[in-house]
Amino acid sequence: MQSFPKDVLESIQHHLEEEKKRVSARIAELRLQDPFSDPERLNDNAASDAEASEESSHDRFAALVTQLTDQLKEIESAQARVSDGTYGYCISCKQMIDTDRLAILPTATLCLHCEKNKK
């Protein structure tokens, strides 16, 4: 099985680690901004319109956290593939994923052909 040169894999791993830190920090930031994270909220007798606004904000924060958590899992999966030597190979057809695709989407698990056929 052909593989990427060691220096390329180290660069990819470094990029993935930086992206993981960025996404993790964003998740932590969103959780702090979530109106439901305020312990005083339970003691607050806010008007129903304020409550509805908090509920809406919470839903947006929760959706963003879910999306970022999924992204974090993709990053961790890519890091595992770098470590075990399977990074850059399509999980469907086992062919190498085009390097231009990986440059744009380093967490890609499918080659473009398999991605198109998936839909």
N, C-alpha and C. Protein backbone atom coordinates (compact mmCIF):
# COMPACT_ATOMS: atom_id res chain seq x y z
N MET A 1 0.85 -1.18 0.00
CA MET A 1 0.00 0.00 0.00
C MET A 1 0.89 1.24 0.00
N GLN A 2 0.73 2.08 -0.99
CA GLN A 2 1.47 3.31 -1.10
C GLN A 2 1.02 4.26 0.00
N SER A 3 1.94 5.06 0.51
CA SER A 3 1.59 5.96 1.59
C SER A 3 2.20 7.33 1.33
N PHE A 4 1.76 8.29 2.09
CA PHE A 4 2.33 9.63 2.00
C PHE A 4 3.70 9.64 2.66
N PRO A 5 4.60 10.53 2.21
CA PRO A 5 5.90 10.66 2.88
C PRO A 5 5.70 11.08 4.34
N LYS A 6 6.64 10.69 5.18
CA LYS A 6 6.53 10.95 6.62
C LYS A 6 6.36 12.44 6.92
N ASP A 7 7.11 13.30 6.23
CA ASP A 7 7.01 14.74 6.50
C ASP A 7 5.63 15.29 6.14
N VAL A 8 5.02 14.74 5.10
CA VAL A 8 3.67 15.16 4.72
C VAL A 8 2.67 14.73 5.79
N LEU A 9 2.81 13.50 6.27
CA LEU A 9 1.91 13.01 7.33
C LEU A 9 2.07 13.82 8.61
N GLU A 10 3.31 14.20 8.93
CA GLU A 10 3.54 15.02 10.13
C GLU A 10 2.86 16.38 9.97
N SER A 11 2.94 16.95 8.78
CA SER A 11 2.30 18.23 8.51
C SER A 11 0.78 18.10 8.62
N ILE A 12 0.24 17.03 8.08
CA ILE A 12 -1.20 16.79 8.16
C ILE A 12 -1.62 16.62 9.62
N GLN A 13 -0.86 15.83 10.36
CA GLN A 13 -1.18 15.60 11.77
C GLN A 13 -1.15 16.91 12.55
N HIS A 14 -0.15 17.76 12.25
CA HIS A 14 -0.05 19.06 12.91
C HIS A 14 -1.27 19.92 12.58
N HIS A 15 -1.64 19.96 11.31
CA HIS A 15 -2.81 20.73 10.88
C HIS A 15 -4.08 20.22 11.58
N LEU A 16 -4.24 18.91 11.64
CA LEU A 16 -5.42 18.33 12.29
C LEU A 16 -5.43 18.67 13.78
N GLU A 17 -4.27 18.65 14.42
CA GLU A 17 -4.19 18.97 15.85
C GLU A 17 -4.58 20.43 16.09
N GLU A 18 -4.10 21.33 15.23
CA GLU A 18 -4.46 22.75 15.36
C GLU A 18 -5.96 22.95 15.15
N GLU A 19 -6.51 22.26 14.17
CA GLU A 19 -7.94 22.35 13.90
C GLU A 19 -8.75 21.79 15.08
N LYS A 20 -8.26 20.71 15.67
CA LYS A 20 -8.92 20.12 16.83
C LYS A 20 -8.95 21.11 18.00
N LYS A 21 -7.84 21.80 18.22
CA LYS A 21 -7.78 22.80 19.29
C LYS A 21 -8.76 23.94 19.02
N ARG A 22 -8.82 24.39 17.76
CA ARG A 22 -9.70 25.49 17.39
C ARG A 22 -11.16 25.10 17.60
N VAL A 23 -11.53 23.91 17.15
CA VAL A 23 -12.92 23.45 17.27
C VAL A 23 -13.28 23.22 18.74
N SER A 24 -12.37 22.63 19.50
CA SER A 24 -12.62 22.40 20.93
C SER A 24 -12.82 23.72 21.67
N ALA A 25 -12.00 24.72 21.35
CA ALA A 25 -12.13 26.03 21.98
C ALA A 25 -13.47 26.67 21.62
N ARG A 26 -13.88 26.52 20.39
CA ARG A 26 -15.17 27.09 19.94
C ARG A 26 -16.34 26.41 20.66
N ILE A 27 -16.24 25.10 20.84
CA ILE A 27 -17.29 24.37 21.58
C ILE A 27 -17.38 24.90 23.01
N ALA A 28 -16.23 25.05 23.66
CA ALA A 28 -16.21 25.55 25.04
C ALA A 28 -16.79 26.96 25.11
N GLU A 29 -16.44 27.79 24.15
CA GLU A 29 -16.94 29.16 24.09
C GLU A 29 -18.46 29.18 23.93
N LEU A 30 -18.97 28.36 23.04
CA LEU A 30 -20.42 28.30 22.82
C LEU A 30 -21.15 27.81 24.06
N ARG A 31 -20.58 26.83 24.72
CA ARG A 31 -21.23 26.31 25.94
C ARG A 31 -21.32 27.38 27.02
N LEU A 32 -20.30 28.23 27.10
CA LEU A 32 -20.32 29.32 28.09
C LEU A 32 -21.35 30.38 27.72
N GLN A 33 -21.55 30.60 26.43
CA GLN A 33 -22.49 31.62 25.96
C GLN A 33 -23.94 31.14 25.99
N ASP A 34 -24.14 29.86 26.08
CA ASP A 34 -25.49 29.29 26.08
C ASP A 34 -26.25 29.83 27.29
N PRO A 35 -27.41 30.45 27.06
CA PRO A 35 -28.17 30.99 28.19
C PRO A 35 -28.54 29.93 29.22
N PHE A 36 -28.64 28.69 28.82
CA PHE A 36 -28.99 27.62 29.76
C PHE A 36 -27.82 27.23 30.65
N SER A 37 -26.62 27.74 30.36
CA SER A 37 -25.46 27.38 31.18
C SER A 37 -25.39 28.23 32.45
N ASP A 38 -26.20 29.28 32.52
CA ASP A 38 -26.21 30.15 33.69
C ASP A 38 -27.02 29.50 34.81
N PRO A 39 -26.37 29.14 35.92
CA PRO A 39 -27.09 28.48 37.01
C PRO A 39 -28.18 29.38 37.62
N GLU A 40 -28.02 30.69 37.51
CA GLU A 40 -29.02 31.63 38.05
C GLU A 40 -30.29 31.66 37.21
N ARG A 41 -30.22 31.10 36.02
CA ARG A 41 -31.37 31.10 35.12
C ARG A 41 -32.59 30.43 35.76
N LEU A 42 -32.35 29.38 36.54
CA LEU A 42 -33.45 28.65 37.18
C LEU A 42 -34.17 29.50 38.22
N ASN A 43 -33.45 30.45 38.82
CA ASN A 43 -34.04 31.32 39.84
C ASN A 43 -34.67 32.57 39.24
N ASP A 44 -34.45 32.78 37.95
CA ASP A 44 -34.93 33.97 37.28
C ASP A 44 -36.40 33.79 36.88
N ASN A 45 -37.20 34.75 37.25
CA ASN A 45 -38.62 34.71 36.87
C ASN A 45 -38.83 35.60 35.65
N ALA A 46 -38.15 35.27 34.58
CA ALA A 46 -38.20 36.09 33.36
C ALA A 46 -39.58 35.99 32.71
N ALA A 47 -39.90 37.04 31.99
CA ALA A 47 -41.15 37.07 31.23
C ALA A 47 -41.12 35.97 30.18
N SER A 48 -42.30 35.57 29.74
CA SER A 48 -42.38 34.46 28.79
C SER A 48 -41.68 34.77 27.47
N ASP A 49 -41.68 36.06 27.04
CA ASP A 49 -40.98 36.39 25.79
C ASP A 49 -39.47 36.27 25.97
N ALA A 50 -38.97 36.63 27.14
CA ALA A 50 -37.53 36.47 27.42
C ALA A 50 -37.19 34.99 27.50
N GLU A 51 -38.08 34.22 28.09
CA GLU A 51 -37.88 32.77 28.18
C GLU A 51 -37.84 32.15 26.78
N ALA A 52 -38.74 32.59 25.92
CA ALA A 52 -38.78 32.08 24.54
C ALA A 52 -37.50 32.44 23.80
N SER A 53 -37.01 33.64 24.04
CA SER A 53 -35.76 34.08 23.40
C SER A 53 -34.59 33.23 23.88
N GLU A 54 -34.56 32.96 25.19
CA GLU A 54 -33.50 32.10 25.74
C GLU A 54 -33.58 30.69 25.15
N GLU A 55 -34.79 30.19 25.03
CA GLU A 55 -35.01 28.85 24.47
C GLU A 55 -34.50 28.79 23.03
N SER A 56 -34.82 29.81 22.26
CA SER A 56 -34.38 29.88 20.87
C SER A 56 -32.85 29.97 20.78
N SER A 57 -32.27 30.80 21.63
CA SER A 57 -30.80 30.92 21.66
C SER A 57 -30.17 29.60 22.05
N HIS A 58 -30.75 28.95 23.04
CA HIS A 58 -30.22 27.65 23.47
C HIS A 58 -30.26 26.64 22.33
N ASP A 59 -31.36 26.61 21.60
CA ASP A 59 -31.49 25.68 20.47
C ASP A 59 -30.41 25.93 19.42
N ARG A 60 -30.14 27.22 19.14
CA ARG A 60 -29.09 27.56 18.17
C ARG A 60 -27.72 27.12 18.68
N PHE A 61 -27.45 27.40 19.95
CA PHE A 61 -26.17 27.00 20.53
C PHE A 61 -26.02 25.48 20.52
N ALA A 62 -27.08 24.78 20.88
CA ALA A 62 -27.03 23.32 20.90
C ALA A 62 -26.77 22.75 19.51
N ALA A 63 -27.40 23.34 18.49
CA ALA A 63 -27.19 22.87 17.11
C ALA A 63 -25.75 23.11 16.68
N LEU A 64 -25.21 24.27 17.02
CA LEU A 64 -23.81 24.57 16.67
C LEU A 64 -22.85 23.63 17.39
N VAL A 65 -23.11 23.39 18.66
CA VAL A 65 -22.24 22.48 19.43
C VAL A 65 -22.30 21.08 18.84
N THR A 66 -23.48 20.63 18.45
CA THR A 66 -23.61 19.31 17.82
C THR A 66 -22.82 19.25 16.53
N GLN A 67 -22.94 20.28 15.71
CA GLN A 67 -22.21 20.33 14.44
C GLN A 67 -20.70 20.32 14.68
N LEU A 68 -20.24 21.11 15.63
CA LEU A 68 -18.81 21.17 15.92
C LEU A 68 -18.31 19.87 16.56
N THR A 69 -19.14 19.23 17.36
CA THR A 69 -18.77 17.95 17.96
C THR A 69 -18.61 16.89 16.88
N ASP A 70 -19.48 16.91 15.89
CA ASP A 70 -19.34 15.99 14.75
C ASP A 70 -18.04 16.27 14.00
N GLN A 71 -17.73 17.55 13.82
CA GLN A 71 -16.49 17.94 13.15
C GLN A 71 -15.28 17.46 13.95
N LEU A 72 -15.36 17.57 15.26
CA LEU A 72 -14.28 17.11 16.13
C LEU A 72 -14.07 15.61 15.98
N LYS A 73 -15.15 14.86 15.90
CA LYS A 73 -15.05 13.40 15.71
C LYS A 73 -14.39 13.08 14.37
N GLU A 74 -14.71 13.85 13.33
CA GLU A 74 -14.09 13.64 12.02
C GLU A 74 -12.59 13.91 12.08
N ILE A 75 -12.21 14.95 12.80
CA ILE A 75 -10.79 15.29 12.96
C ILE A 75 -10.08 14.17 13.70
N GLU A 76 -10.66 13.70 14.80
CA GLU A 76 -10.04 12.62 15.57
C GLU A 76 -9.94 11.33 14.75
N SER A 77 -10.93 11.07 13.93
CA SER A 77 -10.90 9.91 13.06
C SER A 77 -9.77 10.04 12.04
N ALA A 78 -9.61 11.23 11.48
CA ALA A 78 -8.52 11.47 10.52
C ALA A 78 -7.16 11.29 11.21
N GLN A 79 -7.04 11.77 12.44
CA GLN A 79 -5.79 11.60 13.19
C GLN A 79 -5.50 10.12 13.40
N ALA A 80 -6.51 9.35 13.70
CA ALA A 80 -6.33 7.90 13.89
C ALA A 80 -5.88 7.25 12.59
N ARG A 81 -6.45 7.70 11.46
CA ARG A 81 -6.04 7.14 10.17
C ARG A 81 -4.60 7.51 9.83
N VAL A 82 -4.18 8.71 10.21
CA VAL A 82 -2.77 9.09 10.00
C VAL A 82 -1.89 8.15 10.81
N SER A 83 -2.26 7.92 12.06
CA SER A 83 -1.47 7.06 12.95
C SER A 83 -1.41 5.62 12.48
N ASP A 84 -2.52 5.10 11.96
CA ASP A 84 -2.51 3.68 11.58
C ASP A 84 -2.15 3.44 10.11
N GLY A 85 -1.83 4.53 9.39
CA GLY A 85 -1.35 4.38 8.01
C GLY A 85 -2.43 4.27 6.95
N THR A 86 -3.68 4.51 7.32
CA THR A 86 -4.76 4.42 6.33
C THR A 86 -5.25 5.78 5.86
N TYR A 87 -4.62 6.85 6.35
CA TYR A 87 -5.05 8.19 5.96
C TYR A 87 -4.86 8.38 4.45
N GLY A 88 -5.86 8.99 3.84
CA GLY A 88 -5.77 9.30 2.42
C GLY A 88 -6.31 8.22 1.51
N TYR A 89 -6.81 7.14 2.12
CA TYR A 89 -7.40 6.05 1.33
C TYR A 89 -8.91 6.06 1.52
N CYS A 90 -9.60 5.89 0.42
CA CYS A 90 -11.06 5.84 0.42
C CYS A 90 -11.52 4.62 1.22
N ILE A 91 -12.44 4.83 2.14
CA ILE A 91 -12.92 3.71 2.95
C ILE A 91 -13.85 2.79 2.16
N SER A 92 -14.29 3.26 0.99
CA SER A 92 -15.17 2.45 0.17
C SER A 92 -14.41 1.61 -0.85
N CYS A 93 -13.64 2.28 -1.72
CA CYS A 93 -12.96 1.56 -2.81
C CYS A 93 -11.50 1.26 -2.50
N LYS A 94 -10.98 1.80 -1.39
CA LYS A 94 -9.59 1.57 -0.94
C LYS A 94 -8.53 2.23 -1.82
N GLN A 95 -8.95 3.07 -2.77
CA GLN A 95 -8.00 3.80 -3.62
C GLN A 95 -7.59 5.08 -2.89
N MET A 96 -6.42 5.63 -3.29
CA MET A 96 -5.98 6.88 -2.68
C MET A 96 -6.93 8.01 -3.06
N ILE A 97 -7.22 8.84 -2.08
CA ILE A 97 -8.03 10.03 -2.31
C ILE A 97 -7.12 11.09 -2.93
N ASP A 98 -7.64 11.79 -3.92
CA ASP A 98 -6.86 12.82 -4.60
C ASP A 98 -6.33 13.84 -3.57
N THR A 99 -5.06 14.19 -3.71
CA THR A 99 -4.43 15.11 -2.75
C THR A 99 -5.08 16.49 -2.77
N ASP A 100 -5.60 16.92 -3.91
CA ASP A 100 -6.31 18.21 -3.96
C ASP A 100 -7.56 18.16 -3.08
N ARG A 101 -8.25 17.04 -3.10
CA ARG A 101 -9.44 16.86 -2.25
C ARG A 101 -9.04 16.89 -0.77
N LEU A 102 -7.95 16.20 -0.44
CA LEU A 102 -7.50 16.17 0.95
C LEU A 102 -7.01 17.55 1.41
N ALA A 103 -6.44 18.32 0.48
CA ALA A 103 -5.99 19.67 0.84
C ALA A 103 -7.18 20.55 1.22
N ILE A 104 -8.29 20.35 0.53
CA ILE A 104 -9.50 21.13 0.81
C ILE A 104 -10.26 20.57 2.00
N LEU A 105 -10.32 19.25 2.09
CA LEU A 105 -11.08 18.57 3.14
C LEU A 105 -10.20 17.48 3.75
N PRO A 106 -9.32 17.85 4.70
CA PRO A 106 -8.37 16.89 5.26
C PRO A 106 -9.01 15.71 5.98
N THR A 107 -10.28 15.83 6.32
CA THR A 107 -10.97 14.74 7.02
C THR A 107 -11.72 13.81 6.07
N ALA A 108 -11.56 14.02 4.77
CA ALA A 108 -12.29 13.21 3.78
C ALA A 108 -12.00 11.72 3.97
N THR A 109 -13.05 10.92 3.89
CA THR A 109 -12.90 9.47 3.99
C THR A 109 -13.25 8.77 2.68
N LEU A 110 -13.83 9.52 1.76
CA LEU A 110 -14.22 8.96 0.47
C LEU A 110 -13.56 9.73 -0.67
N CYS A 111 -13.18 9.00 -1.71
CA CYS A 111 -12.69 9.67 -2.91
C CYS A 111 -13.89 10.36 -3.57
N LEU A 112 -13.61 11.25 -4.49
CA LEU A 112 -14.69 12.00 -5.13
C LEU A 112 -15.67 11.09 -5.85
N HIS A 113 -15.16 10.07 -6.51
CA HIS A 113 -16.02 9.13 -7.23
C HIS A 113 -17.01 8.44 -6.27
N CYS A 114 -16.50 7.92 -5.17
CA CYS A 114 -17.37 7.24 -4.20
C CYS A 114 -18.31 8.23 -3.50
N GLU A 115 -17.84 9.44 -3.26
CA GLU A 115 -18.70 10.46 -2.65
C GLU A 115 -19.88 10.77 -3.56
N LYS A 116 -19.61 10.92 -4.85
CA LYS A 116 -20.70 11.20 -5.81
C LYS A 116 -21.67 10.03 -5.90
N ASN A 117 -21.15 8.81 -5.88
CA ASN A 117 -22.01 7.63 -5.98
C ASN A 117 -22.80 7.36 -4.71
N LYS A 118 -22.35 7.92 -3.59
CA LYS A 118 -23.04 7.74 -2.31
C LYS A 118 -24.40 8.43 -2.33
N LYS A 119 -24.49 9.51 -3.05
CA LYS A 119 -25.72 10.32 -3.05
C LYS A 119 -26.67 9.84 -4.04
